PDB file of N, CA and C in Angstrom:
ATOM      1  N   MET A   1       0.842  -1.189   0.000  1.00  0.00           N
ATOM      2  CA  MET A   1       0.000   0.000   0.000  1.00  0.00           C
ATOM      3  C   MET A   1       0.882   1.244   0.000  1.00  0.00           C
ATOM      4  N   MET A   2       0.555   2.176  -0.867  1.00  0.00           N
ATOM      5  CA  MET A   2       1.359   3.391  -0.972  1.00  0.00           C
ATOM      6  C   MET A   2       1.081   4.317   0.209  1.00  0.00           C
ATOM      7  N   LYS A   3       2.139   4.935   0.695  1.00  0.00           N
ATOM      8  CA  LYS A   3       1.973   5.924   1.765  1.00  0.00           C
ATOM      9  C   LYS A   3       1.948   7.303   1.124  1.00  0.00           C
ATOM     10  N   TYR A   4       1.021   8.119   1.559  1.00  0.00           N
ATOM     11  CA  TYR A   4       0.908   9.470   1.012  1.00  0.00           C
ATOM     12  C   TYR A   4       1.477  10.459   2.005  1.00  0.00           C
ATOM     13  N   PRO A   5       1.994  11.594   1.493  1.00  0.00           N
ATOM     14  CA  PRO A   5       2.521  12.599   2.408  1.00  0.00           C
ATOM     15  C   PRO A   5       1.407  13.094   3.337  1.00  0.00           C
ATOM     16  N   LYS A   6       1.783  13.453   4.537  1.00  0.00           N
ATOM     17  CA  LYS A   6       0.825  13.977   5.505  1.00  0.00           C
ATOM     18  C   LYS A   6       0.667  15.484   5.299  1.00  0.00           C
ATOM     19  N   ILE A   7      -0.459  15.995   5.735  1.00  0.00           N
ATOM     20  CA  ILE A   7      -0.764  17.417   5.593  1.00  0.00           C
ATOM     21  C   ILE A   7      -0.067  18.188   6.714  1.00  0.00           C
ATOM     22  N   GLN A   8       0.651  19.234   6.320  1.00  0.00           N
ATOM     23  CA  GLN A   8       1.318  20.072   7.310  1.00  0.00           C
ATOM     24  C   GLN A   8       0.462  21.304   7.629  1.00  0.00           C
ATOM     25  N   SER A   9      -0.103  21.910   6.577  1.00  0.00           N
ATOM     26  CA  SER A   9      -0.962  23.078   6.792  1.00  0.00           C
ATOM     27  C   SER A   9      -1.963  23.176   5.654  1.00  0.00           C
ATOM     28  N   ALA A  10      -3.051  23.896   5.925  1.00  0.00           N
ATOM     29  CA  ALA A  10      -4.090  24.108   4.910  1.00  0.00           C
ATOM     30  C   ALA A  10      -4.753  25.450   5.162  1.00  0.00           C
ATOM     31  N   HIS A  11      -5.001  26.177   4.070  1.00  0.00           N
ATOM     32  CA  HIS A  11      -5.631  27.490   4.158  1.00  0.00           C
ATOM     33  C   HIS A  11      -6.609  27.643   3.010  1.00  0.00           C
ATOM     34  N   ALA A  12      -7.719  28.310   3.271  1.00  0.00           N
ATOM     35  CA  ALA A  12      -8.661  28.662   2.204  1.00  0.00           C
ATOM     36  C   ALA A  12      -8.073  29.861   1.467  1.00  0.00           C
ATOM     37  N   ILE A  13      -7.912  29.728   0.142  1.00  0.00           N
ATOM     38  CA  ILE A  13      -7.353  30.852  -0.624  1.00  0.00           C
ATOM     39  C   ILE A  13      -8.399  31.509  -1.518  1.00  0.00           C
ATOM     40  N   SER A  14      -9.589  30.932  -1.562  1.00  0.00           N
ATOM     41  CA  SER A  14     -10.733  31.569  -2.209  1.00  0.00           C
ATOM     42  C   SER A  14     -11.954  30.957  -1.547  1.00  0.00           C
ATOM     43  N   ASN A  15     -13.133  31.193  -2.106  1.00  0.00           N
ATOM     44  CA  ASN A  15     -14.341  30.648  -1.488  1.00  0.00           C
ATOM     45  C   ASN A  15     -14.497  29.150  -1.695  1.00  0.00           C
ATOM     46  N   HIS A  16     -13.652  28.541  -2.531  1.00  0.00           N
ATOM     47  CA  HIS A  16     -13.775  27.091  -2.728  1.00  0.00           C
ATOM     48  C   HIS A  16     -12.459  26.401  -3.071  1.00  0.00           C
ATOM     49  N   VAL A  17     -11.335  27.060  -2.820  1.00  0.00           N
ATOM     50  CA  VAL A  17     -10.037  26.439  -3.096  1.00  0.00           C
ATOM     51  C   VAL A  17      -9.186  26.443  -1.830  1.00  0.00           C
ATOM     52  N   LEU A  18      -8.613  25.269  -1.544  1.00  0.00           N
ATOM     53  CA  LEU A  18      -7.679  25.127  -0.428  1.00  0.00           C
ATOM     54  C   LEU A  18      -6.255  25.121  -0.958  1.00  0.00           C
ATOM     55  N   SER A  19      -5.345  25.729  -0.222  1.00  0.00           N
ATOM     56  CA  SER A  19      -3.920  25.575  -0.454  1.00  0.00           C
ATOM     57  C   SER A  19      -3.426  24.639   0.639  1.00  0.00           C
ATOM     58  N   VAL A  20      -2.836  23.516   0.226  1.00  0.00           N
ATOM     59  CA  VAL A  20      -2.424  22.492   1.180  1.00  0.00           C
ATOM     60  C   VAL A  20      -0.924  22.266   1.065  1.00  0.00           C
ATOM     61  N   GLU A  21      -0.223  22.333   2.195  1.00  0.00           N
ATOM     62  CA  GLU A  21       1.204  22.032   2.218  1.00  0.00           C
ATOM     63  C   GLU A  21       1.394  20.681   2.880  1.00  0.00           C
ATOM     64  N   PHE A  22       2.187  19.828   2.225  1.00  0.00           N
ATOM     65  CA  PHE A  22       2.435  18.478   2.717  1.00  0.00           C
ATOM     66  C   PHE A  22       3.807  18.405   3.386  1.00  0.00           C
ATOM     67  N   ASN A  23       4.019  17.345   4.170  1.00  0.00           N
ATOM     68  CA  ASN A  23       5.265  17.221   4.928  1.00  0.00           C
ATOM     69  C   ASN A  23       6.477  16.857   4.068  1.00  0.00           C
ATOM     70  N   ASN A  24       6.267  16.694   2.754  1.00  0.00           N
ATOM     71  CA  ASN A  24       7.410  16.485   1.850  1.00  0.00           C
ATOM     72  C   ASN A  24       7.799  17.801   1.168  1.00  0.00           C
ATOM     73  N   GLY A  25       7.178  18.912   1.595  1.00  0.00           N
ATOM     74  CA  GLY A  25       7.510  20.228   1.057  1.00  0.00           C
ATOM     75  C   GLY A  25       6.652  20.646  -0.128  1.00  0.00           C
ATOM     76  N   GLU A  26       5.873  19.738  -0.686  1.00  0.00           N
ATOM     77  CA  GLU A  26       5.035  20.091  -1.840  1.00  0.00           C
ATOM     78  C   GLU A  26       3.777  20.822  -1.411  1.00  0.00           C
ATOM     79  N   GLN A  27       3.340  21.718  -2.278  1.00  0.00           N
ATOM     80  CA  GLN A  27       2.078  22.431  -2.057  1.00  0.00           C
ATOM     81  C   GLN A  27       1.136  22.111  -3.204  1.00  0.00           C
ATOM     82  N   LYS A  28      -0.139  21.963  -2.873  1.00  0.00           N
ATOM     83  CA  LYS A  28      -1.141  21.715  -3.900  1.00  0.00           C
ATOM     84  C   LYS A  28      -2.360  22.570  -3.616  1.00  0.00           C
ATOM     85  N   ARG A  29      -3.089  22.857  -4.689  1.00  0.00           N
ATOM     86  CA  ARG A  29      -4.384  23.539  -4.561  1.00  0.00           C
ATOM     87  C   ARG A  29      -5.462  22.507  -4.806  1.00  0.00           C
ATOM     88  N   TYR A  30      -6.496  22.580  -3.994  1.00  0.00           N
ATOM     89  CA  TYR A  30      -7.588  21.616  -4.101  1.00  0.00           C
ATOM     90  C   TYR A  30      -8.906  22.378  -4.191  1.00  0.00           C
ATOM     91  N   ASP A  31      -9.620  22.180  -5.288  1.00  0.00           N
ATOM     92  CA  ASP A  31     -10.904  22.838  -5.520  1.00  0.00           C
ATOM     93  C   ASP A  31     -12.027  21.948  -4.986  1.00  0.00           C
ATOM     94  N   ILE A  32     -12.814  22.466  -4.047  1.00  0.00           N
ATOM     95  CA  ILE A  32     -13.876  21.656  -3.449  1.00  0.00           C
ATOM     96  C   ILE A  32     -15.179  21.670  -4.243  1.00  0.00           C
ATOM     97  N   LEU A  33     -15.259  22.447  -5.340  1.00  0.00           N
ATOM     98  CA  LEU A  33     -16.527  22.544  -6.078  1.00  0.00           C
ATOM     99  C   LEU A  33     -17.147  21.186  -6.408  1.00  0.00           C
ATOM    100  N   PRO A  34     -16.372  20.198  -6.901  1.00  0.00           N
ATOM    101  CA  PRO A  34     -16.991  18.894  -7.202  1.00  0.00           C
ATOM    102  C   PRO A  34     -17.621  18.232  -5.968  1.00  0.00           C
ATOM    103  N   LEU A  35     -17.079  18.505  -4.781  1.00  0.00           N
ATOM    104  CA  LEU A  35     -17.614  17.893  -3.563  1.00  0.00           C
ATOM    105  C   LEU A  35     -18.975  18.448  -3.187  1.00  0.00           C
ATOM    106  N   LEU A  36     -19.271  19.664  -3.661  1.00  0.00           N
ATOM    107  CA  LEU A  36     -20.510  20.321  -3.252  1.00  0.00           C
ATOM    108  C   LEU A  36     -21.753  19.648  -3.830  1.00  0.00           C
ATOM    109  N   LYS A  37     -21.556  18.663  -4.693  1.00  0.00           N
ATOM    110  CA  LYS A  37     -22.685  17.874  -5.196  1.00  0.00           C
ATOM    111  C   LYS A  37     -23.196  16.927  -4.115  1.00  0.00           C
ATOM    112  N   LYS A  38     -22.351  16.673  -3.099  1.00  0.00           N
ATOM    113  CA  LYS A  38     -22.736  15.763  -2.010  1.00  0.00           C
ATOM    114  C   LYS A  38     -23.267  16.578  -0.839  1.00  0.00           C
ATOM    115  N   GLU A  39     -24.393  16.140  -0.311  1.00  0.00           N
ATOM    116  CA  GLU A  39     -25.060  16.885   0.759  1.00  0.00           C
ATOM    117  C   GLU A  39     -24.148  17.144   1.949  1.00  0.00           C
ATOM    118  N   MET A  40     -23.318  16.175   2.280  1.00  0.00           N
ATOM    119  CA  MET A  40     -22.420  16.285   3.426  1.00  0.00           C
ATOM    120  C   MET A  40     -21.541  17.541   3.355  1.00  0.00           C
ATOM    121  N   PHE A  41     -21.159  17.945   2.133  1.00  0.00           N
ATOM    122  CA  PHE A  41     -20.218  19.058   1.966  1.00  0.00           C
ATOM    123  C   PHE A  41     -20.900  20.410   1.749  1.00  0.00           C
ATOM    124  N   LEU A  42     -22.228  20.443   1.693  1.00  0.00           N
ATOM    125  CA  LEU A  42     -22.938  21.695   1.400  1.00  0.00           C
ATOM    126  C   LEU A  42     -22.588  22.861   2.338  1.00  0.00           C
ATOM    127  N   PRO A  43     -22.342  22.626   3.641  1.00  0.00           N
ATOM    128  CA  PRO A  43     -21.972  23.767   4.498  1.00  0.00           C
ATOM    129  C   PRO A  43     -20.718  24.507   4.024  1.00  0.00           C
ATOM    130  N   LEU A  44     -19.879  23.848   3.228  1.00  0.00           N
ATOM    131  CA  LEU A  44     -18.651  24.490   2.736  1.00  0.00           C
ATOM    132  C   LEU A  44     -18.947  25.601   1.732  1.00  0.00           C
ATOM    133  N   GLN A  45     -20.191  25.715   1.301  1.00  0.00           N
ATOM    134  CA  GLN A  45     -20.569  26.823   0.415  1.00  0.00           C
ATOM    135  C   GLN A  45     -20.497  28.160   1.153  1.00  0.00           C
ATOM    136  N   ASN A  46     -20.575  28.119   2.472  1.00  0.00           N
ATOM    137  CA  ASN A  46     -20.494  29.329   3.280  1.00  0.00           C
ATOM    138  C   ASN A  46     -19.019  29.721   3.416  1.00  0.00           C
ATOM    139  N   PRO A  47     -18.619  30.868   2.837  1.00  0.00           N
ATOM    140  CA  PRO A  47     -17.194  31.254   2.848  1.00  0.00           C
ATOM    141  C   PRO A  47     -16.607  31.378   4.254  1.00  0.00           C
ATOM    142  N   GLU A  48     -17.376  31.884   5.202  1.00  0.00           N
ATOM    143  CA  GLU A  48     -16.869  32.014   6.573  1.00  0.00           C
ATOM    144  C   GLU A  48     -16.585  30.647   7.185  1.00  0.00           C
ATOM    145  N   PHE A  49     -17.489  29.712   6.966  1.00  0.00           N
ATOM    146  CA  PHE A  49     -17.308  28.344   7.469  1.00  0.00           C
ATOM    147  C   PHE A  49     -16.106  27.690   6.783  1.00  0.00           C
ATOM    148  N   PHE A  50     -16.013  27.843   5.463  1.00  0.00           N
ATOM    149  CA  PHE A  50     -14.931  27.232   4.683  1.00  0.00           C
ATOM    150  C   PHE A  50     -13.562  27.697   5.172  1.00  0.00           C
ATOM    151  N   LYS A  51     -13.452  28.972   5.543  1.00  0.00           N
ATOM    152  CA  LYS A  51     -12.174  29.533   6.003  1.00  0.00           C
ATOM    153  C   LYS A  51     -11.671  28.877   7.281  1.00  0.00           C
ATOM    154  N   ASN A  52     -12.563  28.224   8.030  1.00  0.00           N
ATOM    155  CA  ASN A  52     -12.186  27.631   9.316  1.00  0.00           C
ATOM    156  C   ASN A  52     -11.605  26.227   9.200  1.00  0.00           C
ATOM    157  N   VAL A  53     -11.010  25.927   8.064  1.00  0.00           N
ATOM    158  CA  VAL A  53     -10.402  24.609   7.854  1.00  0.00           C
ATOM    159  C   VAL A  53      -9.276  24.378   8.867  1.00  0.00           C
ATOM    160  N   GLN A  54      -9.181  23.147   9.373  1.00  0.00           N
ATOM    161  CA  GLN A  54      -8.123  22.762  10.310  1.00  0.00           C
ATOM    162  C   GLN A  54      -7.487  21.457   9.837  1.00  0.00           C
ATOM    163  N   VAL A  55      -6.252  21.226  10.280  1.00  0.00           N
ATOM    164  CA  VAL A  55      -5.558  19.979   9.953  1.00  0.00           C
ATOM    165  C   VAL A  55      -5.702  19.023  11.130  1.00  0.00           C
ATOM    166  N   GLU A  56      -6.109  17.799  10.826  1.00  0.00           N
ATOM    167  CA  GLU A  56      -6.252  16.769  11.856  1.00  0.00           C
ATOM    168  C   GLU A  56      -4.884  16.441  12.443  1.00  0.00           C
ATOM    169  N   THR A  57      -4.840  16.113  13.724  1.00  0.00           N
ATOM    170  CA  THR A  57      -3.597  15.698  14.368  1.00  0.00           C
ATOM    171  C   THR A  57      -3.024  14.510  13.605  1.00  0.00           C
ATOM    172  N   GLY A  58      -1.756  14.585  13.238  1.00  0.00           N
ATOM    173  CA  GLY A  58      -1.129  13.517  12.466  1.00  0.00           C
ATOM    174  C   GLY A  58      -1.131  13.798  10.969  1.00  0.00           C
ATOM    175  N   GLY A  59      -1.914  14.797  10.531  1.00  0.00           N
ATOM    176  CA  GLY A  59      -1.899  15.195   9.122  1.00  0.00           C
ATOM    177  C   GLY A  59      -2.643  14.263   8.184  1.00  0.00           C
ATOM    178  N   TYR A  60      -3.598  13.484   8.707  1.00  0.00           N
ATOM    179  CA  TYR A  60      -4.307  12.510   7.868  1.00  0.00           C
ATOM    180  C   TYR A  60      -5.491  13.097   7.122  1.00  0.00           C
ATOM    181  N   ALA A  61      -5.907  14.315   7.476  1.00  0.00           N
ATOM    182  CA  ALA A  61      -7.069  14.926   6.840  1.00  0.00           C
ATOM    183  C   ALA A  61      -7.135  16.400   7.215  1.00  0.00           C
ATOM    184  N   VAL A  62      -7.935  17.145   6.450  1.00  0.00           N
ATOM    185  CA  VAL A  62      -8.372  18.475   6.889  1.00  0.00           C
ATOM    186  C   VAL A  62      -9.826  18.312   7.299  1.00  0.00           C
ATOM    187  N   PHE A  63     -10.274  19.167   8.218  1.00  0.00           N
ATOM    188  CA  PHE A  63     -11.653  19.042   8.665  1.00  0.00           C
ATOM    189  C   PHE A  63     -12.223  20.397   9.045  1.00  0.00           C
ATOM    190  N   TRP A  64     -13.544  20.434   9.098  1.00  0.00           N
ATOM    191  CA  TRP A  64     -14.275  21.625   9.517  1.00  0.00           C
ATOM    192  C   TRP A  64     -15.090  21.347  10.775  1.00  0.00           C
ATOM    193  N   ASN A  65     -15.631  20.141  10.874  1.00  0.00           N
ATOM    194  CA  ASN A  65     -16.369  19.725  12.071  1.00  0.00           C
ATOM    195  C   ASN A  65     -16.386  18.199  12.100  1.00  0.00           C
ATOM    196  N   ASP A  66     -17.178  17.614  12.971  1.00  0.00           N
ATOM    197  CA  ASP A  66     -17.205  16.148  13.105  1.00  0.00           C
ATOM    198  C   ASP A  66     -17.717  15.436  11.863  1.00  0.00           C
ATOM    199  N   GLU A  67     -18.480  16.144  11.027  1.00  0.00           N
ATOM    200  CA  GLU A  67     -19.070  15.504   9.843  1.00  0.00           C
ATOM    201  C   GLU A  67     -18.284  15.727   8.559  1.00  0.00           C
ATOM    202  N   ILE A  68     -17.515  16.810   8.500  1.00  0.00           N
ATOM    203  CA  ILE A  68     -16.915  17.206   7.225  1.00  0.00           C
ATOM    204  C   ILE A  68     -15.399  17.136   7.296  1.00  0.00           C
ATOM    205  N   ASP A  69     -14.823  16.230   6.489  1.00  0.00           N
ATOM    206  CA  ASP A  69     -13.365  16.166   6.380  1.00  0.00           C
ATOM    207  C   ASP A  69     -12.976  15.670   4.989  1.00  0.00           C
ATOM    208  N   ILE A  70     -11.710  15.903   4.638  1.00  0.00           N
ATOM    209  CA  ILE A  70     -11.149  15.455   3.354  1.00  0.00           C
ATOM    210  C   ILE A  70      -9.798  14.827   3.673  1.00  0.00           C
ATOM    211  N   SER A  71      -9.595  13.606   3.192  1.00  0.00           N
ATOM    212  CA  SER A  71      -8.382  12.854   3.536  1.00  0.00           C
ATOM    213  C   SER A  71      -7.140  13.379   2.822  1.00  0.00           C
ATOM    214  N   GLU A  72      -5.990  13.059   3.393  1.00  0.00           N
ATOM    215  CA  GLU A  72      -4.713  13.435   2.752  1.00  0.00           C
ATOM    216  C   GLU A  72      -4.596  12.764   1.395  1.00  0.00           C
ATOM    217  N   TYR A  73      -5.127  11.558   1.256  1.00  0.00           N
ATOM    218  CA  TYR A  73      -5.102  10.840  -0.020  1.00  0.00           C
ATOM    219  C   TYR A  73      -5.832  11.641  -1.099  1.00  0.00           C
ATOM    220  N   GLU A  74      -7.052  12.059  -0.795  1.00  0.00           N
ATOM    221  CA  GLU A  74      -7.864  12.826  -1.749  1.00  0.00           C
ATOM    222  C   GLU A  74      -7.174  14.125  -2.126  1.00  0.00           C
ATOM    223  N   LEU A  75      -6.640  14.840  -1.148  1.00  0.00           N
ATOM    224  CA  LEU A  75      -5.975  16.124  -1.406  1.00  0.00           C
ATOM    225  C   LEU A  75      -4.712  15.930  -2.236  1.00  0.00           C
ATOM    226  N   TRP A  76      -3.966  14.864  -1.952  1.00  0.00           N
ATOM    227  CA  TRP A  76      -2.721  14.599  -2.663  1.00  0.00           C
ATOM    228  C   TRP A  76      -2.994  14.167  -4.110  1.00  0.00           C
ATOM    229  N   ILE A  77      -3.918  13.209  -4.289  1.00  0.00           N
ATOM    230  CA  ILE A  77      -4.184  12.658  -5.618  1.00  0.00           C
ATOM    231  C   ILE A  77      -4.886  13.667  -6.524  1.00  0.00           C
ATOM    232  N   ASN A  78      -5.844  14.404  -5.987  1.00  0.00           N
ATOM    233  CA  ASN A  78      -6.665  15.293  -6.823  1.00  0.00           C
ATOM    234  C   ASN A  78      -6.321  16.760  -6.717  1.00  0.00           C
ATOM    235  N   GLY A  79      -5.331  17.092  -5.869  1.00  0.00           N
ATOM    236  CA  GLY A  79      -4.859  18.486  -5.824  1.00  0.00           C
ATOM    237  C   GLY A  79      -3.962  18.751  -7.019  1.00  0.00           C
ATOM    238  N   GLU A  80      -3.804  20.026  -7.333  1.00  0.00           N
ATOM    239  CA  GLU A  80      -2.963  20.394  -8.489  1.00  0.00           C
ATOM    240  C   GLU A  80      -1.772  21.224  -8.050  1.00  0.00           C
TER     241      GLU A  80
END
């Protein structure tokens, strides 16, 4: 099984794009627009809520609350 870099930091850089820095020094941008088709992610449409992104302890995901998170795998594979 491939190991993916862990998330070091994440910031909202627009109303729907995250800038994510990984522990290997790489940075990627991740657009959440495709996720907004899923009901679980709808609160991220609120720019104030979206800005409150946090990195999970250990760098395995970013999250906003107990229901909404995005894994390091998803951010690494689909970030640009």
